[in-house]
Amino acid sequence: GDLKVSTGDIFFGTAGKGICLGNTANVDANTLDDYEEGTFTPTQPTVGFNSASGTYTKIGRLVTAQIFCTLPTNGSGQYFVIDGLPFTAINPLSGSDVQGGYVIYSTYGAAVLVRVNCGGTRTVVNGIGGANIQLTTLDNVNFRLQVHYFST
């Protein structure tokens, strides 16, 4: 049988295919029934990566992804982005980047911002203040990043 603990309008119990957290009036909407772990391959659309790997955990709509990548020697003036996040991010504010993460380790010599593009699977890495970083300045630089975002 199901375990049910109820106090007033608060309900905690199993709901057939997951755990229900919330009130009994809307069990389907309040059921946590999606947990997933896996790997993905991050890509750099302009110059590629010397090496790249990614892991993720998805609980409901919340995704936490880790990215490791090393850029090649290159002369590209294009900006540093990483494609291939495992799930599409929500787009709550019509294109505004409102989700992101941080650098765990890097051989790059300056602080950066890490953002997830709303409505997509792209991570953008910018300088502090939002200035774009050209790929040509990242010869053989590696990054270990983590991002947190809500999926669609």
C-alpha atoms as a PDB file:
ATOM      1  CA  GLY A   1       0.000   0.000   0.000  1.00  0.00           C
ATOM      2  CA  ASP A   2       0.867   3.656  -0.249  1.00  0.00           C
ATOM      3  CA  LEU A   3       2.490   5.583   2.571  1.00  0.00           C
ATOM      4  CA  LYS A   4       0.453   8.717   3.166  1.00  0.00           C
ATOM      5  CA  VAL A   5       1.199  11.439   5.653  1.00  0.00           C
ATOM      6  CA  SER A   6      -1.285  14.271   5.627  1.00  0.00           C
ATOM      7  CA  THR A   7      -1.468  17.484   7.648  1.00  0.00           C
ATOM      8  CA  GLY A   8      -4.223  19.860   6.596  1.00  0.00           C
ATOM      9  CA  ASP A   9      -3.596  20.655   2.908  1.00  0.00           C
ATOM     10  CA  ILE A  10      -0.060  19.197   2.853  1.00  0.00           C
ATOM     11  CA  PHE A  11       0.235  15.671   1.458  1.00  0.00           C
ATOM     12  CA  PHE A  12       3.241  13.367   1.149  1.00  0.00           C
ATOM     13  CA  GLY A  13       2.802   9.888  -0.238  1.00  0.00           C
ATOM     14  CA  THR A  14       3.390   7.589  -3.167  1.00  0.00           C
ATOM     15  CA  ALA A  15       1.271   8.185  -6.232  1.00  0.00           C
ATOM     16  CA  GLY A  16       1.509   4.984  -8.238  1.00  0.00           C
ATOM     17  CA  LYS A  17       4.493   5.995 -10.401  1.00  0.00           C
ATOM     18  CA  GLY A  18       6.334   8.496  -8.200  1.00  0.00           C
ATOM     19  CA  ILE A  19       6.307  10.503  -4.990  1.00  0.00           C
ATOM     20  CA  CYS A  20       3.566  13.076  -4.493  1.00  0.00           C
ATOM     21  CA  LEU A  21       4.689  16.297  -2.814  1.00  0.00           C
ATOM     22  CA  GLY A  22       1.814  18.707  -2.370  1.00  0.00           C
ATOM     23  CA  ASN A  23      -1.908  18.666  -1.836  1.00  0.00           C
ATOM     24  CA  THR A  24      -4.274  15.886  -2.838  1.00  0.00           C
ATOM     25  CA  ALA A  25      -6.316  18.227  -5.051  1.00  0.00           C
ATOM     26  CA  ASN A  26      -3.719  17.972  -7.833  1.00  0.00           C
ATOM     27  CA  VAL A  27      -1.779  14.721  -7.343  1.00  0.00           C
ATOM     28  CA  ASP A  28      -0.655  14.461 -10.999  1.00  0.00           C
ATOM     29  CA  ALA A  29       0.932  17.943 -11.039  1.00  0.00           C
ATOM     30  CA  ASN A  30       2.608  17.373  -7.657  1.00  0.00           C
ATOM     31  CA  THR A  31       4.096  13.943  -8.406  1.00  0.00           C
ATOM     32  CA  LEU A  32       7.859  13.639  -8.776  1.00  0.00           C
ATOM     33  CA  ASP A  33       8.114  10.877 -11.352  1.00  0.00           C
ATOM     34  CA  ASP A  34      11.191  11.798 -13.405  1.00  0.00           C
ATOM     35  CA  TYR A  35      14.759  11.086 -12.273  1.00  0.00           C
ATOM     36  CA  GLU A  36      17.526  10.477 -14.785  1.00  0.00           C
ATOM     37  CA  GLU A  37      21.335  10.374 -14.892  1.00  0.00           C
ATOM     38  CA  GLY A  38      23.439  10.141 -18.023  1.00  0.00           C
ATOM     39  CA  THR A  39      26.211  11.384 -20.249  1.00  0.00           C
ATOM     40  CA  PHE A  40      26.304  13.700 -23.255  1.00  0.00           C
ATOM     41  CA  THR A  41      28.939  15.074 -25.613  1.00  0.00           C
ATOM     42  CA  PRO A  42      29.386  18.871 -25.538  1.00  0.00           C
ATOM     43  CA  THR A  43      30.313  20.412 -28.897  1.00  0.00           C
ATOM     44  CA  GLN A  44      31.922  23.655 -30.020  1.00  0.00           C
ATOM     45  CA  PRO A  45      30.295  24.569 -33.376  1.00  0.00           C
ATOM     46  CA  THR A  46      33.165  26.638 -34.840  1.00  0.00           C
ATOM     47  CA  VAL A  47      36.488  24.935 -34.016  1.00  0.00           C
ATOM     48  CA  GLY A  48      35.433  21.802 -32.123  1.00  0.00           C
ATOM     49  CA  PHE A  49      37.153  20.505 -29.005  1.00  0.00           C
ATOM     50  CA  ASN A  50      40.343  18.515 -28.534  1.00  0.00           C
ATOM     51  CA  SER A  51      38.360  16.580 -25.951  1.00  0.00           C
ATOM     52  CA  ALA A  52      34.950  17.002 -24.335  1.00  0.00           C
ATOM     53  CA  SER A  53      32.620  15.082 -22.066  1.00  0.00           C
ATOM     54  CA  GLY A  54      29.522  15.753 -20.031  1.00  0.00           C
ATOM     55  CA  THR A  55      27.385  14.189 -17.321  1.00  0.00           C
ATOM     56  CA  TYR A  56      23.978  15.227 -16.043  1.00  0.00           C
ATOM     57  CA  THR A  57      21.319  14.555 -13.440  1.00  0.00           C
ATOM     58  CA  LYS A  58      17.694  15.491 -14.155  1.00  0.00           C
ATOM     59  CA  ILE A  59      15.137  15.575 -11.342  1.00  0.00           C
ATOM     60  CA  GLY A  60      11.747  16.622 -12.655  1.00  0.00           C
ATOM     61  CA  ARG A  61      12.491  19.686 -14.824  1.00  0.00           C
ATOM     62  CA  LEU A  62      15.703  20.662 -12.948  1.00  0.00           C
ATOM     63  CA  VAL A  63      18.898  19.721 -14.811  1.00  0.00           C
ATOM     64  CA  THR A  64      22.414  19.854 -13.388  1.00  0.00           C
ATOM     65  CA  ALA A  65      25.102  19.260 -16.010  1.00  0.00           C
ATOM     66  CA  GLN A  66      28.882  19.060 -15.758  1.00  0.00           C
ATOM     67  CA  ILE A  67      31.052  19.860 -18.782  1.00  0.00           C
ATOM     68  CA  PHE A  68      34.743  19.210 -19.334  1.00  0.00           C
ATOM     69  CA  CYS A  69      36.292  20.547 -22.545  1.00  0.00           C
ATOM     70  CA  THR A  70      39.645  21.505 -24.054  1.00  0.00           C
ATOM     71  CA  LEU A  71      39.793  23.883 -27.014  1.00  0.00           C
ATOM     72  CA  PRO A  72      42.232  23.429 -29.915  1.00  0.00           C
ATOM     73  CA  THR A  73      44.790  25.911 -31.193  1.00  0.00           C
ATOM     74  CA  ASN A  74      42.795  28.131 -33.561  1.00  0.00           C
ATOM     75  CA  GLY A  75      42.608  31.573 -35.130  1.00  0.00           C
ATOM     76  CA  SER A  76      38.847  32.062 -34.942  1.00  0.00           C
ATOM     77  CA  GLY A  77      37.350  35.410 -34.007  1.00  0.00           C
ATOM     78  CA  GLN A  78      34.015  33.717 -33.226  1.00  0.00           C
ATOM     79  CA  TYR A  79      32.752  33.726 -29.651  1.00  0.00           C
ATOM     80  CA  PHE A  80      33.046  30.878 -27.137  1.00  0.00           C
ATOM     81  CA  VAL A  81      29.887  28.819 -26.849  1.00  0.00           C
ATOM     82  CA  ILE A  82      29.272  25.188 -25.982  1.00  0.00           C
ATOM     83  CA  ASP A  83      26.392  23.325 -27.629  1.00  0.00           C
ATOM     84  CA  GLY A  84      24.764  20.018 -26.812  1.00  0.00           C
ATOM     85  CA  LEU A  85      23.233  20.305 -23.348  1.00  0.00           C
ATOM     86  CA  PRO A  86      21.138  17.174 -22.822  1.00  0.00           C
ATOM     87  CA  PHE A  87      17.758  18.969 -22.508  1.00  0.00           C
ATOM     88  CA  THR A  88      16.269  22.167 -23.930  1.00  0.00           C
ATOM     89  CA  ALA A  89      16.115  25.023 -21.412  1.00  0.00           C
ATOM     90  CA  ILE A  90      12.847  26.827 -20.721  1.00  0.00           C
ATOM     91  CA  ASN A  91      12.322  30.272 -22.228  1.00  0.00           C
ATOM     92  CA  PRO A  92      10.505  32.213 -19.499  1.00  0.00           C
ATOM     93  CA  LEU A  93      11.458  35.746 -20.524  1.00  0.00           C
ATOM     94  CA  SER A  94      11.470  35.718 -24.343  1.00  0.00           C
ATOM     95  CA  GLY A  95      15.152  35.020 -24.901  1.00  0.00           C
ATOM     96  CA  SER A  96      16.709  36.445 -21.742  1.00  0.00           C
ATOM     97  CA  ASP A  97      19.434  34.234 -20.273  1.00  0.00           C
ATOM     98  CA  VAL A  98      18.211  33.728 -16.723  1.00  0.00           C
ATOM     99  CA  GLN A  99      19.857  30.394 -15.944  1.00  0.00           C
ATOM    100  CA  GLY A 100      23.498  29.498 -15.663  1.00  0.00           C
ATOM    101  CA  GLY A 101      26.341  28.060 -13.717  1.00  0.00           C
ATOM    102  CA  TYR A 102      29.967  28.498 -12.848  1.00  0.00           C
ATOM    103  CA  VAL A 103      33.524  27.415 -13.584  1.00  0.00           C
ATOM    104  CA  ILE A 104      34.882  24.694 -11.325  1.00  0.00           C
ATOM    105  CA  TYR A 105      38.391  24.803 -12.848  1.00  0.00           C
ATOM    106  CA  SER A 106      40.018  26.397 -15.870  1.00  0.00           C
ATOM    107  CA  THR A 107      43.422  27.200 -17.305  1.00  0.00           C
ATOM    108  CA  TYR A 108      41.947  30.469 -18.653  1.00  0.00           C
ATOM    109  CA  GLY A 109      43.528  33.439 -16.893  1.00  0.00           C
ATOM    110  CA  ALA A 110      40.413  35.510 -16.139  1.00  0.00           C
ATOM    111  CA  ALA A 111      37.036  35.190 -14.426  1.00  0.00           C
ATOM    112  CA  VAL A 112      34.065  34.304 -16.624  1.00  0.00           C
ATOM    113  CA  LEU A 113      30.257  34.176 -16.607  1.00  0.00           C
ATOM    114  CA  VAL A 114      28.466  30.950 -17.544  1.00  0.00           C
ATOM    115  CA  ARG A 115      24.915  31.217 -18.929  1.00  0.00           C
ATOM    116  CA  VAL A 116      22.414  28.829 -20.479  1.00  0.00           C
ATOM    117  CA  ASN A 117      20.559  30.138 -23.540  1.00  0.00           C
ATOM    118  CA  CYS A 118      16.818  30.164 -22.905  1.00  0.00           C
ATOM    119  CA  GLY A 119      14.887  27.946 -25.285  1.00  0.00           C
ATOM    120  CA  GLY A 120      18.007  26.087 -26.397  1.00  0.00           C
ATOM    121  CA  THR A 121      20.815  23.688 -25.532  1.00  0.00           C
ATOM    122  CA  ARG A 122      23.691  26.205 -25.639  1.00  0.00           C
ATOM    123  CA  THR A 123      26.015  27.372 -22.876  1.00  0.00           C
ATOM    124  CA  VAL A 124      27.625  30.792 -23.382  1.00  0.00           C
ATOM    125  CA  VAL A 125      30.912  31.611 -21.637  1.00  0.00           C
ATOM    126  CA  ASN A 126      31.592  35.361 -21.398  1.00  0.00           C
ATOM    127  CA  GLY A 127      34.014  37.622 -19.604  1.00  0.00           C
ATOM    128  CA  ILE A 128      32.844  39.386 -16.463  1.00  0.00           C
ATOM    129  CA  GLY A 129      30.412  42.114 -17.500  1.00  0.00           C
ATOM    130  CA  GLY A 130      29.192  40.026 -20.452  1.00  0.00           C
ATOM    131  CA  ALA A 131      32.001  40.700 -22.948  1.00  0.00           C
ATOM    132  CA  ASN A 132      32.345  37.942 -25.557  1.00  0.00           C
ATOM    133  CA  ILE A 133      35.499  35.805 -25.465  1.00  0.00           C
ATOM    134  CA  GLN A 134      37.005  35.073 -28.873  1.00  0.00           C
ATOM    135  CA  LEU A 135      38.016  31.470 -29.508  1.00  0.00           C
ATOM    136  CA  THR A 136      41.478  32.533 -30.697  1.00  0.00           C
ATOM    137  CA  THR A 137      42.292  33.591 -27.104  1.00  0.00           C
ATOM    138  CA  LEU A 138      41.503  30.085 -25.821  1.00  0.00           C
ATOM    139  CA  ASP A 139      44.231  28.010 -27.520  1.00  0.00           C
ATOM    140  CA  ASN A 140      44.520  24.704 -25.597  1.00  0.00           C
ATOM    141  CA  VAL A 141      42.557  26.105 -22.634  1.00  0.00           C
ATOM    142  CA  ASN A 142      40.401  23.689 -20.687  1.00  0.00           C
ATOM    143  CA  PHE A 143      37.270  24.291 -18.675  1.00  0.00           C
ATOM    144  CA  ARG A 144      35.333  22.311 -16.097  1.00  0.00           C
ATOM    145  CA  LEU A 145      31.877  23.898 -15.835  1.00  0.00           C
ATOM    146  CA  GLN A 146      28.651  23.145 -14.077  1.00  0.00           C
ATOM    147  CA  VAL A 147      25.255  24.524 -15.121  1.00  0.00           C
ATOM    148  CA  HIS A 148      21.821  24.373 -13.514  1.00  0.00           C
ATOM    149  CA  TYR A 149      18.664  25.026 -15.515  1.00  0.00           C
ATOM    150  CA  PHE A 150      14.995  24.153 -15.893  1.00  0.00           C
ATOM    151  CA  SER A 151      14.098  22.099 -18.944  1.00  0.00           C
ATOM    152  CA  THR A 152      10.966  22.415 -21.055  1.00  0.00           C
END
